[in-house]
């Protein structure tokens, strides 16, 4: 799982470097190559919830982070590495 994530982030970074001509230390960027605000990230998750028609599921950056960390722990990654 960690290898797949590393590959995806590398591909994502290469796309941004190609598109903007430079790398950025942040992962979640807006179309101006600036870090997304808390509000814009919340809007992304709200739009995902609506598009995917989730009615009784909380879709937020917190649940995304929690689920990701839980799956890392279940795959054997140490709590120290997850931290």
Protein backbone atom coordinates (compact mmCIF):
# COMPACT_ATOMS: atom_id res chain seq x y z
CA UNK A 1 0.00 0.00 0.00
CA UNK A 2 2.79 2.42 0.88
CA UNK A 3 4.59 1.69 -2.39
CA UNK A 4 1.44 2.43 -4.38
CA UNK A 5 0.93 5.72 -2.50
CA UNK A 6 4.54 6.70 -3.11
CA UNK A 7 4.12 6.00 -6.82
CA UNK A 8 0.87 7.99 -7.02
CA UNK A 9 2.36 11.01 -5.22
CA UNK A 10 5.41 10.86 -7.49
CA UNK A 11 3.21 10.83 -10.61
CA UNK A 12 1.09 13.65 -9.15
CA UNK A 13 4.25 15.69 -8.43
CA UNK A 14 5.55 15.09 -11.97
CA UNK A 15 2.22 16.31 -13.38
CA UNK A 16 2.40 19.50 -11.33
CA UNK A 17 6.03 20.08 -12.26
CA UNK A 18 5.18 19.65 -15.94
CA UNK A 19 2.10 21.88 -15.65
CA UNK A 20 3.64 24.66 -13.52
CA UNK A 21 7.32 24.27 -14.39
CA UNK A 22 8.33 23.86 -10.75
CA UNK A 23 7.84 21.56 -7.80
CA UNK A 24 5.93 22.51 -4.70
CA UNK A 25 6.41 21.29 -1.14
CA UNK A 26 2.63 20.95 -0.74
CA UNK A 27 0.54 18.10 -2.14
CA UNK A 28 -2.90 19.71 -2.24
CA UNK A 29 -2.55 22.69 -4.55
CA UNK A 30 -5.00 24.93 -6.34
CA UNK A 31 -4.82 25.91 -10.00
CA UNK A 32 -2.49 28.81 -9.10
CA UNK A 33 0.08 26.38 -7.60
CA UNK A 34 -0.70 27.62 -4.10
CA UNK A 35 -1.71 25.44 -1.12
CA UNK A 36 -5.44 24.78 -0.93
CA UNK A 37 -7.22 26.47 1.96
CA UNK A 38 -9.08 24.50 4.63
CA UNK A 39 -12.32 25.74 3.11
CA UNK A 40 -11.45 24.60 -0.42
CA UNK A 41 -10.45 21.14 0.84
CA UNK A 42 -13.79 20.92 2.68
CA UNK A 43 -15.54 21.89 -0.56
CA UNK A 44 -13.77 19.06 -2.42
CA UNK A 45 -15.06 16.53 0.10
CA UNK A 46 -18.57 18.05 0.06
CA UNK A 47 -18.64 17.77 -3.73
CA UNK A 48 -17.42 14.16 -3.57
CA UNK A 49 -20.16 13.31 -1.09
CA UNK A 50 -22.80 14.79 -3.37
CA UNK A 51 -21.46 13.26 -6.59
CA UNK A 52 -21.08 9.82 -5.04
CA UNK A 53 -24.53 10.06 -3.44
CA UNK A 54 -23.36 9.17 0.08
CA UNK A 55 -26.26 9.88 2.37
CA UNK A 56 -25.43 8.27 5.71
CA UNK A 57 -21.63 8.51 5.53
CA UNK A 58 -19.53 11.37 6.85
CA UNK A 59 -17.19 12.43 4.04
CA UNK A 60 -14.51 14.81 5.28
CA UNK A 61 -10.77 15.27 5.40
CA UNK A 62 -10.84 13.86 8.94
CA UNK A 63 -12.57 10.60 7.95
CA UNK A 64 -10.24 10.31 4.94
CA UNK A 65 -7.16 10.67 7.17
CA UNK A 66 -8.61 8.30 9.79
CA UNK A 67 -9.44 5.60 7.22
CA UNK A 68 -6.03 5.93 5.57
CA UNK A 69 -4.18 5.62 8.89
CA UNK A 70 -6.38 2.71 9.99
CA UNK A 71 -5.63 0.82 6.77
CA UNK A 72 -1.91 1.50 7.15
CA UNK A 73 -2.05 0.09 10.69
CA UNK A 74 -3.99 -2.98 9.51
CA UNK A 75 -1.37 -3.61 6.82
CA UNK A 76 1.36 -3.80 9.47
CA UNK A 77 2.87 -0.31 9.34
CA UNK A 78 4.09 0.77 12.78
CA UNK A 79 2.33 3.56 14.67
CA UNK A 80 5.62 5.46 14.70
CA UNK A 81 5.82 5.35 10.87
CA UNK A 82 2.17 6.40 10.54
CA UNK A 83 2.75 9.31 12.89
